[in-house]
Amino acid sequence: DAFAAVERDAGQHKSPNAGWPEAAMAGALGLKLAGPR
């Protein structure tokens, strides 16, 4: 799930870099991170 989240979501983050570790962490833990804030 961590790999799938990175592949699917990392490039959608407003930051060119923050989405990669955040997507991996979210997928690995079964969570949703970032989003509207």
PDB file of all heavy atoms in Angstrom:
ATOM      1  N   ASP A   1       0.828  -1.200   0.000  1.00  0.00           N
ATOM      2  CA  ASP A   1       0.000   0.000   0.000  1.00  0.00           C
ATOM      3  C   ASP A   1       0.867   1.256   0.000  1.00  0.00           C
ATOM      4  O   ASP A   1       0.483   2.283  -0.581  1.00  0.00           O
ATOM      5  CB  ASP A   1      -0.919   0.012   1.220  1.00  0.00           C
ATOM      6  CG  ASP A   1      -2.006  -1.051   1.137  1.00  0.00           C
ATOM      7  OD1 ASP A   1      -2.233  -1.579   0.028  1.00  0.00           O
ATOM      8  OD2 ASP A   1      -2.615  -1.364   2.175  1.00  0.00           O
ATOM      9  N   ALA A   2       2.023   1.185   0.666  1.00  0.00           N
ATOM     10  CA  ALA A   2       2.933   2.333   0.667  1.00  0.00           C
ATOM     11  C   ALA A   2       3.432   2.617  -0.750  1.00  0.00           C
ATOM     12  O   ALA A   2       3.451   3.776  -1.201  1.00  0.00           O
ATOM     13  CB  ALA A   2       4.114   2.066   1.600  1.00  0.00           C
ATOM     14  N   PHE A   3       3.822   1.566  -1.460  1.00  0.00           N
ATOM     15  CA  PHE A   3       4.278   1.734  -2.843  1.00  0.00           C
ATOM     16  C   PHE A   3       3.163   2.279  -3.728  1.00  0.00           C
ATOM     17  O   PHE A   3       3.372   3.195  -4.534  1.00  0.00           O
ATOM     18  CB  PHE A   3       4.779   0.396  -3.396  1.00  0.00           C
ATOM     19  CG  PHE A   3       5.266   0.462  -4.813  1.00  0.00           C
ATOM     20  CD1 PHE A   3       6.551   0.878  -5.100  1.00  0.00           C
ATOM     21  CD2 PHE A   3       4.424   0.123  -5.866  1.00  0.00           C
ATOM     22  CE1 PHE A   3       6.999   0.954  -6.409  1.00  0.00           C
ATOM     23  CE2 PHE A   3       4.858   0.196  -7.176  1.00  0.00           C
ATOM     24  CZ  PHE A   3       6.158   0.611  -7.451  1.00  0.00           C
ATOM     25  N   ALA A   4       1.961   1.736  -3.558  1.00  0.00           N
ATOM     26  CA  ALA A   4       0.830   2.176  -4.375  1.00  0.00           C
ATOM     27  C   ALA A   4       0.497   3.638  -4.107  1.00  0.00           C
ATOM     28  O   ALA A   4       0.180   4.393  -5.035  1.00  0.00           O
ATOM     29  CB  ALA A   4      -0.388   1.296  -4.092  1.00  0.00           C
ATOM     30  N   ALA A   5       0.571   4.058  -2.837  1.00  0.00           N
ATOM     31  CA  ALA A   5       0.264   5.449  -2.493  1.00  0.00           C
ATOM     32  C   ALA A   5       1.296   6.398  -3.100  1.00  0.00           C
ATOM     33  O   ALA A   5       0.942   7.478  -3.591  1.00  0.00           O
ATOM     34  CB  ALA A   5       0.218   5.610  -0.976  1.00  0.00           C
ATOM     35  N   VAL A   6       2.563   6.004  -3.077  1.00  0.00           N
ATOM     36  CA  VAL A   6       3.598   6.839  -3.682  1.00  0.00           C
ATOM     37  C   VAL A   6       3.365   6.969  -5.181  1.00  0.00           C
ATOM     38  O   VAL A   6       3.415   8.072  -5.751  1.00  0.00           O
ATOM     39  CB  VAL A   6       5.001   6.251  -3.399  1.00  0.00           C
ATOM     40  CG1 VAL A   6       6.064   6.956  -4.240  1.00  0.00           C
ATOM     41  CG2 VAL A   6       5.336   6.371  -1.919  1.00  0.00           C
ATOM     42  N   GLU A   7       3.106   5.850  -5.825  1.00  0.00           N
ATOM     43  CA  GLU A   7       2.899   5.855  -7.271  1.00  0.00           C
ATOM     44  C   GLU A   7       1.670   6.678  -7.653  1.00  0.00           C
ATOM     45  O   GLU A   7       1.685   7.406  -8.656  1.00  0.00           O
ATOM     46  CB  GLU A   7       2.745   4.417  -7.762  1.00  0.00           C
ATOM     47  CG  GLU A   7       2.687   4.272  -9.269  1.00  0.00           C
ATOM     48  CD  GLU A   7       2.622   2.822  -9.696  1.00  0.00           C
ATOM     49  OE1 GLU A   7       1.920   2.025  -9.031  1.00  0.00           O
ATOM     50  OE2 GLU A   7       3.269   2.485 -10.697  1.00  0.00           O
ATOM     51  N   ARG A   8       0.630   6.593  -6.842  1.00  0.00           N
ATOM     52  CA  ARG A   8      -0.636   7.254  -7.174  1.00  0.00           C
ATOM     53  C   ARG A   8      -0.673   8.719  -6.738  1.00  0.00           C
ATOM     54  O   ARG A   8      -1.163   9.590  -7.468  1.00  0.00           O
ATOM     55  CB  ARG A   8      -1.779   6.496  -6.502  1.00  0.00           C
ATOM     56  CG  ARG A   8      -3.169   7.056  -6.765  1.00  0.00           C
ATOM     57  CD  ARG A   8      -4.215   6.318  -5.942  1.00  0.00           C
ATOM     58  NE  ARG A   8      -3.969   6.427  -4.517  1.00  0.00           N
ATOM     59  CZ  ARG A   8      -3.721   5.388  -3.718  1.00  0.00           C
ATOM     60  NH1 ARG A   8      -3.672   4.160  -4.189  1.00  0.00           N
ATOM     61  NH2 ARG A   8      -3.494   5.567  -2.425  1.00  0.00           N
ATOM     62  N   ASP A   9      -0.139   9.028  -5.524  1.00  0.00           N
ATOM     63  CA  ASP A   9      -0.414  10.318  -4.903  1.00  0.00           C
ATOM     64  C   ASP A   9       0.764  11.278  -4.805  1.00  0.00           C
ATOM     65  O   ASP A   9       0.545  12.497  -4.697  1.00  0.00           O
ATOM     66  CB  ASP A   9      -0.956  10.094  -3.476  1.00  0.00           C
ATOM     67  CG  ASP A   9      -2.233   9.268  -3.453  1.00  0.00           C
ATOM     68  OD1 ASP A   9      -3.026   9.401  -4.405  1.00  0.00           O
ATOM     69  OD2 ASP A   9      -2.427   8.498  -2.501  1.00  0.00           O
ATOM     70  N   ALA A  10       1.999  10.785  -4.791  1.00  0.00           N
ATOM     71  CA  ALA A  10       3.142  11.657  -4.492  1.00  0.00           C
ATOM     72  C   ALA A  10       3.208  12.868  -5.413  1.00  0.00           C
ATOM     73  O   ALA A  10       3.485  13.993  -4.970  1.00  0.00           O
ATOM     74  CB  ALA A  10       4.451  10.866  -4.563  1.00  0.00           C
ATOM     75  N   GLY A  11       2.954  12.664  -6.687  1.00  0.00           N
ATOM     76  CA  GLY A  11       3.049  13.753  -7.646  1.00  0.00           C
ATOM     77  C   GLY A  11       1.908  14.742  -7.574  1.00  0.00           C
ATOM     78  O   GLY A  11       1.959  15.802  -8.217  1.00  0.00           O
ATOM     79  N   GLN A  12       0.860  14.436  -6.769  1.00  0.00           N
ATOM     80  CA  GLN A  12      -0.300  15.318  -6.650  1.00  0.00           C
ATOM     81  C   GLN A  12      -0.134  16.350  -5.536  1.00  0.00           C
ATOM     82  O   GLN A  12      -0.938  17.271  -5.427  1.00  0.00           O
ATOM     83  CB  GLN A  12      -1.555  14.484  -6.372  1.00  0.00           C
ATOM     84  CG  GLN A  12      -1.843  13.409  -7.410  1.00  0.00           C
ATOM     85  CD  GLN A  12      -2.115  13.987  -8.781  1.00  0.00           C
ATOM     86  OE1 GLN A  12      -2.782  14.995  -8.914  1.00  0.00           O
ATOM     87  NE2 GLN A  12      -1.576  13.343  -9.810  1.00  0.00           N
ATOM     88  N   HIS A  13       0.890  16.196  -4.709  1.00  0.00           N
ATOM     89  CA  HIS A  13       1.120  17.116  -3.591  1.00  0.00           C
ATOM     90  C   HIS A  13       1.552  18.478  -4.122  1.00  0.00           C
ATOM     91  O   HIS A  13       2.212  18.574  -5.156  1.00  0.00           O
ATOM     92  CB  HIS A  13       2.201  16.540  -2.670  1.00  0.00           C
ATOM     93  CG  HIS A  13       2.209  17.113  -1.293  1.00  0.00           C
ATOM     94  ND1 HIS A  13       2.663  18.385  -1.018  1.00  0.00           N
ATOM     95  CD2 HIS A  13       1.829  16.586  -0.085  1.00  0.00           C
ATOM     96  CE1 HIS A  13       2.569  18.611   0.286  1.00  0.00           C
ATOM     97  NE2 HIS A  13       2.061  17.541   0.868  1.00  0.00           N
ATOM     98  N   LYS A  14       1.210  19.549  -3.408  1.00  0.00           N
ATOM     99  CA  LYS A  14       1.605  20.890  -3.840  1.00  0.00           C
ATOM    100  C   LYS A  14       3.116  21.069  -3.801  1.00  0.00           C
ATOM    101  O   LYS A  14       3.676  21.845  -4.566  1.00  0.00           O
ATOM    102  CB  LYS A  14       0.928  21.949  -2.955  1.00  0.00           C
ATOM    103  CG  LYS A  14      -0.544  22.155  -3.287  1.00  0.00           C
ATOM    104  CD  LYS A  14      -1.097  23.361  -2.569  1.00  0.00           C
ATOM    105  CE  LYS A  14      -2.542  23.617  -2.983  1.00  0.00           C
ATOM    106  NZ  LYS A  14      -2.661  23.962  -4.418  1.00  0.00           N
ATOM    107  N   SER A  15       3.774  20.369  -2.898  1.00  0.00           N
ATOM    108  CA  SER A  15       5.235  20.401  -2.841  1.00  0.00           C
ATOM    109  C   SER A  15       5.805  19.375  -3.803  1.00  0.00           C
ATOM    110  O   SER A  15       5.291  18.262  -3.909  1.00  0.00           O
ATOM    111  CB  SER A  15       5.717  20.079  -1.419  1.00  0.00           C
ATOM    112  OG  SER A  15       7.096  19.764  -1.402  1.00  0.00           O
ATOM    113  N   PRO A  16       6.898  19.705  -4.524  1.00  0.00           N
ATOM    114  CA  PRO A  16       7.494  18.720  -5.427  1.00  0.00           C
ATOM    115  C   PRO A  16       8.186  17.574  -4.703  1.00  0.00           C
ATOM    116  O   PRO A  16       8.537  16.577  -5.332  1.00  0.00           O
ATOM    117  CB  PRO A  16       8.505  19.555  -6.217  1.00  0.00           C
ATOM    118  CG  PRO A  16       8.857  20.685  -5.308  1.00  0.00           C
ATOM    119  CD  PRO A  16       7.597  21.007  -4.558  1.00  0.00           C
ATOM    120  N   ASN A  17       8.363  17.706  -3.379  1.00  0.00           N
ATOM    121  CA  ASN A  17       9.108  16.694  -2.633  1.00  0.00           C
ATOM    122  C   ASN A  17       8.339  16.086  -1.462  1.00  0.00           C
ATOM    123  O   ASN A  17       8.474  14.892  -1.180  1.00  0.00           O
ATOM    124  CB  ASN A  17      10.419  17.301  -2.107  1.00  0.00           C
ATOM    125  CG  ASN A  17      11.353  17.703  -3.222  1.00  0.00           C
ATOM    126  OD1 ASN A  17      11.630  16.920  -4.133  1.00  0.00           O
ATOM    127  ND2 ASN A  17      11.848  18.931  -3.183  1.00  0.00           N
ATOM    128  N   ALA A  18       7.542  16.882  -0.758  1.00  0.00           N
ATOM    129  CA  ALA A  18       6.912  16.399   0.483  1.00  0.00           C
ATOM    130  C   ALA A  18       5.964  15.236   0.245  1.00  0.00           C
ATOM    131  O   ALA A  18       5.785  14.386   1.123  1.00  0.00           O
ATOM    132  CB  ALA A  18       6.172  17.544   1.167  1.00  0.00           C
ATOM    133  N   GLY A  19       5.353  15.171  -0.933  1.00  0.00           N
ATOM    134  CA  GLY A  19       4.402  14.107  -1.199  1.00  0.00           C
ATOM    135  C   GLY A  19       5.005  12.719  -1.185  1.00  0.00           C
ATOM    136  O   GLY A  19       4.298  11.737  -0.878  1.00  0.00           O
ATOM    137  N   TRP A  20       6.272  12.594  -1.493  1.00  0.00           N
ATOM    138  CA  TRP A  20       6.887  11.260  -1.569  1.00  0.00           C
ATOM    139  C   TRP A  20       6.959  10.572  -0.209  1.00  0.00           C
ATOM    140  O   TRP A  20       6.407   9.474  -0.051  1.00  0.00           O
ATOM    141  CB  TRP A  20       8.266  11.372  -2.222  1.00  0.00           C
ATOM    142  CG  TRP A  20       8.167  11.724  -3.674  1.00  0.00           C
ATOM    143  CD1 TRP A  20       7.896  12.953  -4.208  1.00  0.00           C
ATOM    144  CD2 TRP A  20       8.281  10.836  -4.781  1.00  0.00           C
ATOM    145  NE1 TRP A  20       7.854  12.882  -5.584  1.00  0.00           N
ATOM    146  CE2 TRP A  20       8.086  11.592  -5.960  1.00  0.00           C
ATOM    147  CE3 TRP A  20       8.547   9.477  -4.890  1.00  0.00           C
ATOM    148  CZ2 TRP A  20       8.136  11.026  -7.225  1.00  0.00           C
ATOM    149  CZ3 TRP A  20       8.605   8.913  -6.157  1.00  0.00           C
ATOM    150  CH2 TRP A  20       8.394   9.680  -7.307  1.00  0.00           C
ATOM    151  N   PRO A  21       7.598  11.165   0.806  1.00  0.00           N
ATOM    152  CA  PRO A  21       7.596  10.476   2.103  1.00  0.00           C
ATOM    153  C   PRO A  21       6.220  10.455   2.758  1.00  0.00           C
ATOM    154  O   PRO A  21       5.882   9.492   3.453  1.00  0.00           O
ATOM    155  CB  PRO A  21       8.600  11.290   2.934  1.00  0.00           C
ATOM    156  CG  PRO A  21       8.635  12.636   2.290  1.00  0.00           C
ATOM    157  CD  PRO A  21       8.435  12.386   0.829  1.00  0.00           C
ATOM    158  N   GLU A  22       5.403  11.505   2.547  1.00  0.00           N
ATOM    159  CA  GLU A  22       4.084  11.515   3.162  1.00  0.00           C
ATOM    160  C   GLU A  22       3.195  10.424   2.574  1.00  0.00           C
ATOM    161  O   GLU A  22       2.454   9.756   3.297  1.00  0.00           O
ATOM    162  CB  GLU A  22       3.428  12.889   2.996  1.00  0.00           C
ATOM    163  CG  GLU A  22       4.041  13.949   3.891  1.00  0.00           C
ATOM    164  CD  GLU A  22       3.269  15.254   3.842  1.00  0.00           C
ATOM    165  OE1 GLU A  22       2.098  15.257   3.412  1.00  0.00           O
ATOM    166  OE2 GLU A  22       3.842  16.284   4.250  1.00  0.00           O
ATOM    167  N   ALA A  23       3.244  10.236   1.260  1.00  0.00           N
ATOM    168  CA  ALA A  23       2.450   9.174   0.637  1.00  0.00           C
ATOM    169  C   ALA A  23       2.919   7.806   1.108  1.00  0.00           C
ATOM    170  O   ALA A  23       2.100   6.916   1.397  1.00  0.00           O
ATOM    171  CB  ALA A  23       2.534   9.279  -0.883  1.00  0.00           C
ATOM    172  N   ALA A  24       4.236   7.610   1.187  1.00  0.00           N
ATOM    173  CA  ALA A  24       4.762   6.320   1.658  1.00  0.00           C
ATOM    174  C   ALA A  24       4.327   6.042   3.090  1.00  0.00           C
ATOM    175  O   ALA A  24       3.919   4.924   3.424  1.00  0.00           O
ATOM    176  CB  ALA A  24       6.290   6.313   1.550  1.00  0.00           C
ATOM    177  N   MET A  25       4.409   7.060   3.945  1.00  0.00           N
ATOM    178  CA  MET A  25       4.001   6.890   5.339  1.00  0.00           C
ATOM    179  C   MET A  25       2.504   6.607   5.431  1.00  0.00           C
ATOM    180  O   MET A  25       2.075   5.707   6.173  1.00  0.00           O
ATOM    181  CB  MET A  25       4.348   8.154   6.136  1.00  0.00           C
ATOM    182  CG  MET A  25       4.010   8.104   7.612  1.00  0.00           C
ATOM    183  SD  MET A  25       5.123   7.043   8.576  1.00  0.00           S
ATOM    184  CE  MET A  25       6.551   8.140   8.774  1.00  0.00           C
ATOM    185  N   ALA A  26       1.702   7.352   4.676  1.00  0.00           N
ATOM    186  CA  ALA A  26       0.254   7.156   4.704  1.00  0.00           C
ATOM    187  C   ALA A  26      -0.123   5.751   4.265  1.00  0.00           C
ATOM    188  O   ALA A  26      -0.926   5.068   4.919  1.00  0.00           O
ATOM    189  CB  ALA A  26      -0.429   8.191   3.812  1.00  0.00           C
ATOM    190  N   GLY A  27       0.436   5.304   3.156  1.00  0.00           N
ATOM    191  CA  GLY A  27       0.121   3.973   2.661  1.00  0.00           C
ATOM    192  C   GLY A  27       0.557   2.879   3.612  1.00  0.00           C
ATOM    193  O   GLY A  27      -0.171   1.905   3.837  1.00  0.00           O
ATOM    194  N   ALA A  28       1.750   3.032   4.185  1.00  0.00           N
ATOM    195  CA  ALA A  28       2.269   2.017   5.092  1.00  0.00           C
ATOM    196  C   ALA A  28       1.406   1.869   6.338  1.00  0.00           C
ATOM    197  O   ALA A  28       1.262   0.768   6.878  1.00  0.00           O
ATOM    198  CB  ALA A  28       3.700   2.355   5.495  1.00  0.00           C
ATOM    199  N   LEU A  29       0.801   2.985   6.800  1.00  0.00           N
ATOM    200  CA  LEU A  29       0.031   2.962   8.048  1.00  0.00           C
ATOM    201  C   LEU A  29      -1.472   2.860   7.823  1.00  0.00           C
ATOM    202  O   LEU A  29      -2.241   2.812   8.786  1.00  0.00           O
ATOM    203  CB  LEU A  29       0.332   4.227   8.859  1.00  0.00           C
ATOM    204  CG  LEU A  29       1.790   4.438   9.274  1.00  0.00           C
ATOM    205  CD1 LEU A  29       1.926   5.749  10.039  1.00  0.00           C
ATOM    206  CD2 LEU A  29       2.307   3.274  10.103  1.00  0.00           C
ATOM    207  N   GLY A  30      -1.901   2.872   6.552  1.00  0.00           N
ATOM    208  CA  GLY A  30      -3.325   2.817   6.273  1.00  0.00           C
ATOM    209  C   GLY A  30      -4.051   4.096   6.632  1.00  0.00           C
ATOM    210  O   GLY A  30      -5.201   4.060   7.102  1.00  0.00           O
ATOM    211  N   LEU A  31      -3.404   5.250   6.407  1.00  0.00           N
ATOM    212  CA  LEU A  31      -3.967   6.541   6.757  1.00  0.00           C
ATOM    213  C   LEU A  31      -4.127   7.426   5.524  1.00  0.00           C
ATOM    214  O   LEU A  31      -3.626   7.110   4.438  1.00  0.00           O
ATOM    215  CB  LEU A  31      -3.059   7.262   7.764  1.00  0.00           C
ATOM    216  CG  LEU A  31      -2.854   6.594   9.124  1.00  0.00           C
ATOM    217  CD1 LEU A  31      -1.793   7.351   9.910  1.00  0.00           C
ATOM    218  CD2 LEU A  31      -4.162   6.528   9.898  1.00  0.00           C
ATOM    219  N   LYS A  32      -4.799   8.557   5.725  1.00  0.00           N
ATOM    220  CA  LYS A  32      -4.822   9.641   4.749  1.00  0.00           C
ATOM    221  C   LYS A  32      -4.102  10.827   5.391  1.00  0.00           C
ATOM    222  O   LYS A  32      -4.455  11.239   6.508  1.00  0.00           O
ATOM    223  CB  LYS A  32      -6.259  10.039   4.397  1.00  0.00           C
ATOM    224  CG  LYS A  32      -7.012   8.997   3.613  1.00  0.00           C
ATOM    225  CD  LYS A  32      -8.481   9.367   3.449  1.00  0.00           C
ATOM    226  CE  LYS A  32      -8.671  10.512   2.473  1.00  0.00           C
ATOM    227  NZ  LYS A  32     -10.113  10.749   2.187  1.00  0.00           N
ATOM    228  N   LEU A  33      -3.086  11.363   4.700  1.00  0.00           N
ATOM    229  CA  LEU A  33      -2.320  12.494   5.210  1.00  0.00           C
ATOM    230  C   LEU A  33      -2.392  13.649   4.223  1.00  0.00           C
ATOM    231  O   LEU A  33      -2.851  13.500   3.102  1.00  0.00           O
ATOM    232  CB  LEU A  33      -0.861  12.094   5.455  1.00  0.00           C
ATOM    233  CG  LEU A  33      -0.620  10.965   6.460  1.00  0.00           C
ATOM    234  CD1 LEU A  33       0.862  10.621   6.533  1.00  0.00           C
ATOM    235  CD2 LEU A  33      -1.153  11.337   7.844  1.00  0.00           C
ATOM    236  N   ALA A  34      -1.874  14.797   4.673  1.00  0.00           N
ATOM    237  CA  ALA A  34      -1.912  16.040   3.889  1.00  0.00           C
ATOM    238  C   ALA A  34      -3.368  16.461   3.701  1.00  0.00           C
ATOM    239  O   ALA A  34      -4.084  16.613   4.689  1.00  0.00           O
ATOM    240  CB  ALA A  34      -1.162  15.890   2.568  1.00  0.00           C
ATOM    241  N   GLY A  35      -3.836  16.648   2.474  1.00  0.00           N
ATOM    242  CA  GLY A  35      -5.207  17.080   2.261  1.00  0.00           C
ATOM    243  C   GLY A  35      -5.408  18.545   2.603  1.00  0.00           C
ATOM    244  O   GLY A  35      -4.452  19.271   2.888  1.00  0.00           O
ATOM    245  N   PRO A  36      -6.648  19.022   2.605  1.00  0.00           N
ATOM    246  CA  PRO A  36      -6.938  20.426   2.925  1.00  0.00           C
ATOM    247  C   PRO A  36      -6.534  20.749   4.364  1.00  0.00           C
ATOM    248  O   PRO A  36      -6.827  19.978   5.291  1.00  0.00           O
ATOM    249  CB  PRO A  36      -8.455  20.528   2.741  1.00  0.00           C
ATOM    250  CG  PRO A  36      -8.814  19.357   1.881  1.00  0.00           C
ATOM    251  CD  PRO A  36      -7.856  18.274   2.231  1.00  0.00           C
ATOM    252  N   ARG A  37      -5.877  21.899   4.573  1.00  0.00           N
ATOM    253  CA  ARG A  37      -5.438  22.273   5.914  1.00  0.00           C
ATOM    254  C   ARG A  37      -5.196  23.774   5.987  1.00  0.00           C
ATOM    255  O   ARG A  37      -5.020  24.431   4.971  1.00  0.00           O
ATOM    256  CB  ARG A  37      -4.169  21.494   6.311  1.00  0.00           C
ATOM    257  CG  ARG A  37      -3.012  21.636   5.339  1.00  0.00           C
ATOM    258  CD  ARG A  37      -2.025  20.490   5.505  1.00  0.00           C
ATOM    259  NE  ARG A  37      -0.850  20.645   4.650  1.00  0.00           N
ATOM    260  CZ  ARG A  37      -0.807  20.268   3.375  1.00  0.00           C
ATOM    261  NH1 ARG A  37      -1.873  19.704   2.804  1.00  0.00           N
ATOM    262  NH2 ARG A  37       0.286  20.429   2.663  1.00  0.00           N
TER     263      ARG A  37
END
